[in-house]
């Protein structure tokens, strides 16, 4: 896929319970990789992921950006936005620890009286995940392999995980590439290796090489 002349600009989309500044450490690491990141915010609890996707579409219509990075729920918000507006000139997307196949932890939380409120209006998208990817943008996923998180308190997590999201939940059919780095779910935002892998995929469409 050809690379846009403005592709050095990267828009970062945060996950649930976070705000724009949450991805500031990752933005700093991408700057060190020679990219020009910007932060996008939405109300993940009160407004929800669906509204976040609508706002992202509006933002990208005003300010087209070829490269996007989403952490956790942010990855689902990005793919939902591109599903709704397939004409957007987005070339490549990196999802960091995003449960693209649906989150078992979110499903367990949603089934517990008194705890489902914690997912707000993002619950449905987190639980169901995304359809197999067939959009024109190339999608790469960086999953975490250090199981340090609270996910195990709510549900059994089989196989490798980042403590919140199982690696298997990140392997959406149709994505272009996938890799696992030694980081927890939160640690992906701080990981130098995750940033290097993300920058490589954005530039070349693959994590290796």
C-alpha atoms as a PDB file:
ATOM      1  CA  UNK A   1       0.000   0.000   0.000  1.00  0.00           C
ATOM      2  CA  UNK A   2       1.512   3.413  -0.875  1.00  0.00           C
ATOM      3  CA  UNK A   3       2.578   5.636   1.974  1.00  0.00           C
ATOM      4  CA  UNK A   4       1.102   9.112   2.290  1.00  0.00           C
ATOM      5  CA  UNK A   5       3.528  12.083   2.304  1.00  0.00           C
ATOM      6  CA  UNK A   6       1.974  13.077   5.660  1.00  0.00           C
ATOM      7  CA  UNK A   7       2.334   9.610   7.147  1.00  0.00           C
ATOM      8  CA  UNK A   8       4.886  10.694   9.752  1.00  0.00           C
ATOM      9  CA  UNK A   9       1.905  12.037  11.706  1.00  0.00           C
ATOM     10  CA  UNK A  10       0.430   9.410  14.057  1.00  0.00           C
ATOM     11  CA  UNK A  11      -2.830   9.714  15.996  1.00  0.00           C
ATOM     12  CA  UNK A  12      -2.951   7.864  19.340  1.00  0.00           C
ATOM     13  CA  UNK A  13      -6.253   6.643  20.821  1.00  0.00           C
ATOM     14  CA  UNK A  14      -6.460   5.634  24.496  1.00  0.00           C
ATOM     15  CA  UNK A  15      -8.399   2.822  26.135  1.00  0.00           C
ATOM     16  CA  UNK A  16     -11.094   2.565  28.791  1.00  0.00           C
ATOM     17  CA  UNK A  17     -10.814   4.494  32.084  1.00  0.00           C
ATOM     18  CA  UNK A  18      -8.127   6.699  30.543  1.00  0.00           C
ATOM     19  CA  UNK A  19      -7.791  10.153  29.019  1.00  0.00           C
ATOM     20  CA  UNK A  20      -5.575  11.597  26.292  1.00  0.00           C
ATOM     21  CA  UNK A  21      -2.574  12.114  28.565  1.00  0.00           C
ATOM     22  CA  UNK A  22      -2.451   8.378  29.335  1.00  0.00           C
ATOM     23  CA  UNK A  23      -0.614   7.798  26.069  1.00  0.00           C
ATOM     24  CA  UNK A  24       1.859  10.659  26.559  1.00  0.00           C
ATOM     25  CA  UNK A  25       4.701   8.233  27.483  1.00  0.00           C
ATOM     26  CA  UNK A  26       4.098   6.221  24.326  1.00  0.00           C
ATOM     27  CA  UNK A  27       3.927   9.416  22.290  1.00  0.00           C
ATOM     28  CA  UNK A  28       7.334  10.399  23.655  1.00  0.00           C
ATOM     29  CA  UNK A  29       8.787   7.055  22.603  1.00  0.00           C
ATOM     30  CA  UNK A  30       7.330   7.440  19.111  1.00  0.00           C
ATOM     31  CA  UNK A  31       8.900  10.886  18.854  1.00  0.00           C
ATOM     32  CA  UNK A  32      12.233   9.253  19.611  1.00  0.00           C
ATOM     33  CA  UNK A  33      11.492   6.927  16.689  1.00  0.00           C
ATOM     34  CA  UNK A  34      11.175   9.957  14.417  1.00  0.00           C
ATOM     35  CA  UNK A  35       7.360  10.145  14.285  1.00  0.00           C
ATOM     36  CA  UNK A  36       5.016  13.026  15.086  1.00  0.00           C
ATOM     37  CA  UNK A  37       2.304  11.697  17.424  1.00  0.00           C
ATOM     38  CA  UNK A  38      -0.876  13.468  18.455  1.00  0.00           C
ATOM     39  CA  UNK A  39      -3.367  12.407  21.126  1.00  0.00           C
ATOM     40  CA  UNK A  40      -7.101  11.837  20.634  1.00  0.00           C
ATOM     41  CA  UNK A  41      -9.507  11.730  23.576  1.00  0.00           C
ATOM     42  CA  UNK A  42     -13.062  10.518  24.108  1.00  0.00           C
ATOM     43  CA  UNK A  43     -15.297   9.730  27.097  1.00  0.00           C
ATOM     44  CA  UNK A  44     -14.883   5.958  27.293  1.00  0.00           C
ATOM     45  CA  UNK A  45     -17.328   5.453  30.184  1.00  0.00           C
ATOM     46  CA  UNK A  46     -19.970   8.186  29.958  1.00  0.00           C
ATOM     47  CA  UNK A  47     -20.205   8.382  26.158  1.00  0.00           C
ATOM     48  CA  UNK A  48     -18.734   4.996  25.245  1.00  0.00           C
ATOM     49  CA  UNK A  49     -16.748   3.411  22.450  1.00  0.00           C
ATOM     50  CA  UNK A  50     -19.440   3.799  19.790  1.00  0.00           C
ATOM     51  CA  UNK A  51     -19.584   7.557  20.343  1.00  0.00           C
ATOM     52  CA  UNK A  52     -15.794   7.583  20.475  1.00  0.00           C
ATOM     53  CA  UNK A  53     -15.718   5.969  17.021  1.00  0.00           C
ATOM     54  CA  UNK A  54     -18.111   8.608  15.693  1.00  0.00           C
ATOM     55  CA  UNK A  55     -15.935  11.391  17.092  1.00  0.00           C
ATOM     56  CA  UNK A  56     -12.830   9.769  15.628  1.00  0.00           C
ATOM     57  CA  UNK A  57     -14.438   9.678  12.175  1.00  0.00           C
ATOM     58  CA  UNK A  58     -15.275  13.385  12.494  1.00  0.00           C
ATOM     59  CA  UNK A  59     -11.723  14.160  13.601  1.00  0.00           C
ATOM     60  CA  UNK A  60     -10.182  12.232  10.696  1.00  0.00           C
ATOM     61  CA  UNK A  61     -12.454  13.993   8.223  1.00  0.00           C
ATOM     62  CA  UNK A  62     -11.213  17.346   9.527  1.00  0.00           C
ATOM     63  CA  UNK A  63      -7.599  16.272   9.828  1.00  0.00           C
ATOM     64  CA  UNK A  64      -6.791  13.205   7.711  1.00  0.00           C
ATOM     65  CA  UNK A  65      -4.124  10.992   9.267  1.00  0.00           C
ATOM     66  CA  UNK A  66      -2.574   7.958   7.591  1.00  0.00           C
ATOM     67  CA  UNK A  67      -1.312   6.169  10.703  1.00  0.00           C
ATOM     68  CA  UNK A  68      -3.202   5.361  13.924  1.00  0.00           C
ATOM     69  CA  UNK A  69      -2.256   3.615  17.176  1.00  0.00           C
ATOM     70  CA  UNK A  70      -4.801   2.442  19.752  1.00  0.00           C
ATOM     71  CA  UNK A  71      -4.204   1.002  23.205  1.00  0.00           C
ATOM     72  CA  UNK A  72      -6.677  -1.601  24.483  1.00  0.00           C
ATOM     73  CA  UNK A  73     -10.225  -0.350  23.793  1.00  0.00           C
ATOM     74  CA  UNK A  74      -8.654   2.339  21.605  1.00  0.00           C
ATOM     75  CA  UNK A  75      -7.826  -0.294  19.008  1.00  0.00           C
ATOM     76  CA  UNK A  76     -11.463  -1.388  18.852  1.00  0.00           C
ATOM     77  CA  UNK A  77     -12.572   2.243  18.574  1.00  0.00           C
ATOM     78  CA  UNK A  78     -10.231   2.713  15.606  1.00  0.00           C
ATOM     79  CA  UNK A  79     -11.436  -0.383  13.746  1.00  0.00           C
ATOM     80  CA  UNK A  80     -15.070   0.514  14.447  1.00  0.00           C
ATOM     81  CA  UNK A  81     -14.438   4.010  13.046  1.00  0.00           C
ATOM     82  CA  UNK A  82     -12.861   2.574   9.889  1.00  0.00           C
ATOM     83  CA  UNK A  83     -15.717   0.105   9.521  1.00  0.00           C
ATOM     84  CA  UNK A  84     -18.184   2.987   9.601  1.00  0.00           C
ATOM     85  CA  UNK A  85     -16.135   5.175   7.250  1.00  0.00           C
ATOM     86  CA  UNK A  86     -14.118   2.898   4.954  1.00  0.00           C
ATOM     87  CA  UNK A  87     -13.249   5.836   2.688  1.00  0.00           C
ATOM     88  CA  UNK A  88     -11.011   7.436   5.333  1.00  0.00           C
ATOM     89  CA  UNK A  89      -7.395   7.642   4.058  1.00  0.00           C
ATOM     90  CA  UNK A  90      -5.963   5.552   6.901  1.00  0.00           C
ATOM     91  CA  UNK A  91      -3.152   3.297   5.690  1.00  0.00           C
ATOM     92  CA  UNK A  92      -1.904   1.485   8.781  1.00  0.00           C
ATOM     93  CA  UNK A  93      -3.110   0.835  12.317  1.00  0.00           C
ATOM     94  CA  UNK A  94      -1.283  -0.595  15.323  1.00  0.00           C
ATOM     95  CA  UNK A  95      -3.345  -2.008  18.192  1.00  0.00           C
ATOM     96  CA  UNK A  96      -1.597  -2.364  21.566  1.00  0.00           C
ATOM     97  CA  UNK A  97      -3.107  -5.133  23.699  1.00  0.00           C
ATOM     98  CA  UNK A  98      -6.536  -4.659  22.124  1.00  0.00           C
ATOM     99  CA  UNK A  99      -9.050  -7.493  22.751  1.00  0.00           C
ATOM    100  CA  UNK A 100     -10.186  -7.444  19.131  1.00  0.00           C
ATOM    101  CA  UNK A 101     -11.900 -10.830  19.520  1.00  0.00           C
ATOM    102  CA  UNK A 102     -13.754  -9.632  22.616  1.00  0.00           C
ATOM    103  CA  UNK A 103     -12.612  -9.388  26.231  1.00  0.00           C
ATOM    104  CA  UNK A 104     -13.224 -12.240  28.649  1.00  0.00           C
ATOM    105  CA  UNK A 105     -12.471  -9.927  31.557  1.00  0.00           C
ATOM    106  CA  UNK A 106     -15.076  -7.432  30.304  1.00  0.00           C
ATOM    107  CA  UNK A 107     -17.631 -10.216  29.897  1.00  0.00           C
ATOM    108  CA  UNK A 108     -16.982 -11.401  33.462  1.00  0.00           C
ATOM    109  CA  UNK A 109     -17.246  -7.867  34.848  1.00  0.00           C
ATOM    110  CA  UNK A 110     -20.455  -7.274  32.923  1.00  0.00           C
ATOM    111  CA  UNK A 111     -22.018 -10.369  34.475  1.00  0.00           C
ATOM    112  CA  UNK A 112     -21.279  -9.297  38.048  1.00  0.00           C
ATOM    113  CA  UNK A 113     -23.939  -7.200  39.786  1.00  0.00           C
ATOM    114  CA  UNK A 114     -22.405  -4.000  41.076  1.00  0.00           C
ATOM    115  CA  UNK A 115     -19.416  -4.128  38.722  1.00  0.00           C
ATOM    116  CA  UNK A 116     -20.875  -3.809  35.222  1.00  0.00           C
ATOM    117  CA  UNK A 117     -21.057  -0.013  35.703  1.00  0.00           C
ATOM    118  CA  UNK A 118     -17.252   0.056  35.479  1.00  0.00           C
ATOM    119  CA  UNK A 119     -17.444  -0.586  31.731  1.00  0.00           C
ATOM    120  CA  UNK A 120     -19.976   2.167  31.114  1.00  0.00           C
ATOM    121  CA  UNK A 121     -21.245   2.480  27.560  1.00  0.00           C
ATOM    122  CA  UNK A 122     -18.175   0.696  26.187  1.00  0.00           C
ATOM    123  CA  UNK A 123     -19.320  -2.667  27.503  1.00  0.00           C
ATOM    124  CA  UNK A 124     -20.956  -4.005  24.331  1.00  0.00           C
ATOM    125  CA  UNK A 125     -18.000  -3.397  22.006  1.00  0.00           C
ATOM    126  CA  UNK A 126     -15.506  -4.703  24.559  1.00  0.00           C
ATOM    127  CA  UNK A 127     -17.447  -7.915  25.058  1.00  0.00           C
ATOM    128  CA  UNK A 128     -18.278  -8.685  21.435  1.00  0.00           C
ATOM    129  CA  UNK A 129     -15.061  -7.438  19.834  1.00  0.00           C
ATOM    130  CA  UNK A 130     -14.660  -6.755  16.127  1.00  0.00           C
ATOM    131  CA  UNK A 131     -15.634  -8.710  13.037  1.00  0.00           C
ATOM    132  CA  UNK A 132     -12.770 -10.271  11.067  1.00  0.00           C
ATOM    133  CA  UNK A 133     -10.880  -7.435   9.441  1.00  0.00           C
ATOM    134  CA  UNK A 134     -11.410  -6.832   5.728  1.00  0.00           C
ATOM    135  CA  UNK A 135     -10.805  -3.089   5.530  1.00  0.00           C
ATOM    136  CA  UNK A 136      -8.185  -1.489   3.305  1.00  0.00           C
ATOM    137  CA  UNK A 137      -5.976  -0.326   6.173  1.00  0.00           C
ATOM    138  CA  UNK A 138      -3.229  -2.713   7.230  1.00  0.00           C
ATOM    139  CA  UNK A 139      -3.624  -3.661  10.898  1.00  0.00           C
ATOM    140  CA  UNK A 140      -0.839  -4.906  13.152  1.00  0.00           C
ATOM    141  CA  UNK A 141      -1.225  -6.003  16.774  1.00  0.00           C
ATOM    142  CA  UNK A 142       1.356  -5.791  19.565  1.00  0.00           C
ATOM    143  CA  UNK A 143       0.262  -8.060  22.432  1.00  0.00           C
ATOM    144  CA  UNK A 144       1.761  -8.189  25.911  1.00  0.00           C
ATOM    145  CA  UNK A 145       3.193 -11.401  27.324  1.00  0.00           C
ATOM    146  CA  UNK A 146       3.711 -10.517  30.999  1.00  0.00           C
ATOM    147  CA  UNK A 147       0.661 -11.637  32.973  1.00  0.00           C
ATOM    148  CA  UNK A 148       0.656  -8.818  35.505  1.00  0.00           C
ATOM    149  CA  UNK A 149      -2.801  -7.411  36.032  1.00  0.00           C
ATOM    150  CA  UNK A 150      -6.154  -7.858  37.704  1.00  0.00           C
ATOM    151  CA  UNK A 151      -7.775  -9.890  34.946  1.00  0.00           C
ATOM    152  CA  UNK A 152      -7.264 -13.156  36.781  1.00  0.00           C
ATOM    153  CA  UNK A 153      -9.374 -11.881  39.658  1.00  0.00           C
ATOM    154  CA  UNK A 154     -12.468 -11.864  37.448  1.00  0.00           C
ATOM    155  CA  UNK A 155     -12.055 -14.767  35.046  1.00  0.00           C
ATOM    156  CA  UNK A 156      -9.749 -17.626  34.178  1.00  0.00           C
ATOM    157  CA  UNK A 157      -7.213 -16.587  31.562  1.00  0.00           C
ATOM    158  CA  UNK A 158      -5.980 -19.573  29.559  1.00  0.00           C
ATOM    159  CA  UNK A 159      -2.693 -19.276  27.719  1.00  0.00           C
ATOM    160  CA  UNK A 160      -0.348 -16.279  27.544  1.00  0.00           C
ATOM    161  CA  UNK A 161      -1.732 -12.883  28.498  1.00  0.00           C
ATOM    162  CA  UNK A 162      -0.737  -9.394  29.597  1.00  0.00           C
ATOM    163  CA  UNK A 163      -2.668  -9.825  32.842  1.00  0.00           C
ATOM    164  CA  UNK A 164      -5.809  -8.221  31.415  1.00  0.00           C
ATOM    165  CA  UNK A 165      -6.091  -9.383  27.813  1.00  0.00           C
ATOM    166  CA  UNK A 166      -5.254 -12.882  26.587  1.00  0.00           C
ATOM    167  CA  UNK A 167      -2.947 -13.050  23.578  1.00  0.00           C
ATOM    168  CA  UNK A 168      -5.583 -15.164  21.826  1.00  0.00           C
ATOM    169  CA  UNK A 169      -8.055 -12.288  22.203  1.00  0.00           C
ATOM    170  CA  UNK A 170      -5.751 -10.059  20.139  1.00  0.00           C
ATOM    171  CA  UNK A 171      -5.403 -12.392  17.121  1.00  0.00           C
ATOM    172  CA  UNK A 172      -8.213 -11.082  14.937  1.00  0.00           C
ATOM    173  CA  UNK A 173      -8.568 -12.845  11.569  1.00  0.00           C
ATOM    174  CA  UNK A 174      -7.558 -10.569   8.706  1.00  0.00           C
ATOM    175  CA  UNK A 175      -4.845  -8.549  10.448  1.00  0.00           C
ATOM    176  CA  UNK A 176      -1.552  -8.097   8.583  1.00  0.00           C
ATOM    177  CA  UNK A 177       0.891  -8.946  11.388  1.00  0.00           C
ATOM    178  CA  UNK A 178       1.072  -9.826  15.083  1.00  0.00           C
ATOM    179  CA  UNK A 179       3.816  -9.888  17.698  1.00  0.00           C
ATOM    180  CA  UNK A 180       4.190 -10.383  21.457  1.00  0.00           C
ATOM    181  CA  UNK A 181       6.495  -8.267  23.628  1.00  0.00           C
ATOM    182  CA  UNK A 182       7.450  -8.734  27.308  1.00  0.00           C
ATOM    183  CA  UNK A 183       5.024  -6.237  28.811  1.00  0.00           C
ATOM    184  CA  UNK A 184       1.861  -6.146  30.901  1.00  0.00           C
ATOM    185  CA  UNK A 185      -1.316  -4.482  29.653  1.00  0.00           C
ATOM    186  CA  UNK A 186      -0.425  -1.153  31.246  1.00  0.00           C
ATOM    187  CA  UNK A 187       3.258  -1.720  30.533  1.00  0.00           C
ATOM    188  CA  UNK A 188       2.642  -1.691  26.781  1.00  0.00           C
ATOM    189  CA  UNK A 189       2.234   2.079  27.030  1.00  0.00           C
ATOM    190  CA  UNK A 190       5.693   2.356  28.627  1.00  0.00           C
ATOM    191  CA  UNK A 191       7.476  -0.292  26.570  1.00  0.00           C
ATOM    192  CA  UNK A 192      10.365   0.839  24.364  1.00  0.00           C
ATOM    193  CA  UNK A 193      10.126  -2.414  22.424  1.00  0.00           C
ATOM    194  CA  UNK A 194       6.412  -1.937  21.774  1.00  0.00           C
ATOM    195  CA  UNK A 195       7.129   1.558  20.453  1.00  0.00           C
ATOM    196  CA  UNK A 196       9.921   0.291  18.198  1.00  0.00           C
ATOM    197  CA  UNK A 197       7.713  -2.479  16.844  1.00  0.00           C
ATOM    198  CA  UNK A 198       4.832  -0.049  16.301  1.00  0.00           C
ATOM    199  CA  UNK A 199       7.043   2.433  14.425  1.00  0.00           C
ATOM    200  CA  UNK A 200       8.427  -0.353  12.249  1.00  0.00           C
ATOM    201  CA  UNK A 201       4.965  -1.605  11.325  1.00  0.00           C
ATOM    202  CA  UNK A 202       3.711   1.890  10.547  1.00  0.00           C
ATOM    203  CA  UNK A 203       6.635   2.466   8.194  1.00  0.00           C
ATOM    204  CA  UNK A 204       6.936  -0.983   6.615  1.00  0.00           C
ATOM    205  CA  UNK A 205       3.711  -2.917   7.245  1.00  0.00           C
ATOM    206  CA  UNK A 206       5.475  -5.605   9.317  1.00  0.00           C
ATOM    207  CA  UNK A 207       6.992  -5.955  12.781  1.00  0.00           C
ATOM    208  CA  UNK A 208      10.082  -7.934  11.848  1.00  0.00           C
ATOM    209  CA  UNK A 209      13.040  -6.842   9.724  1.00  0.00           C
END
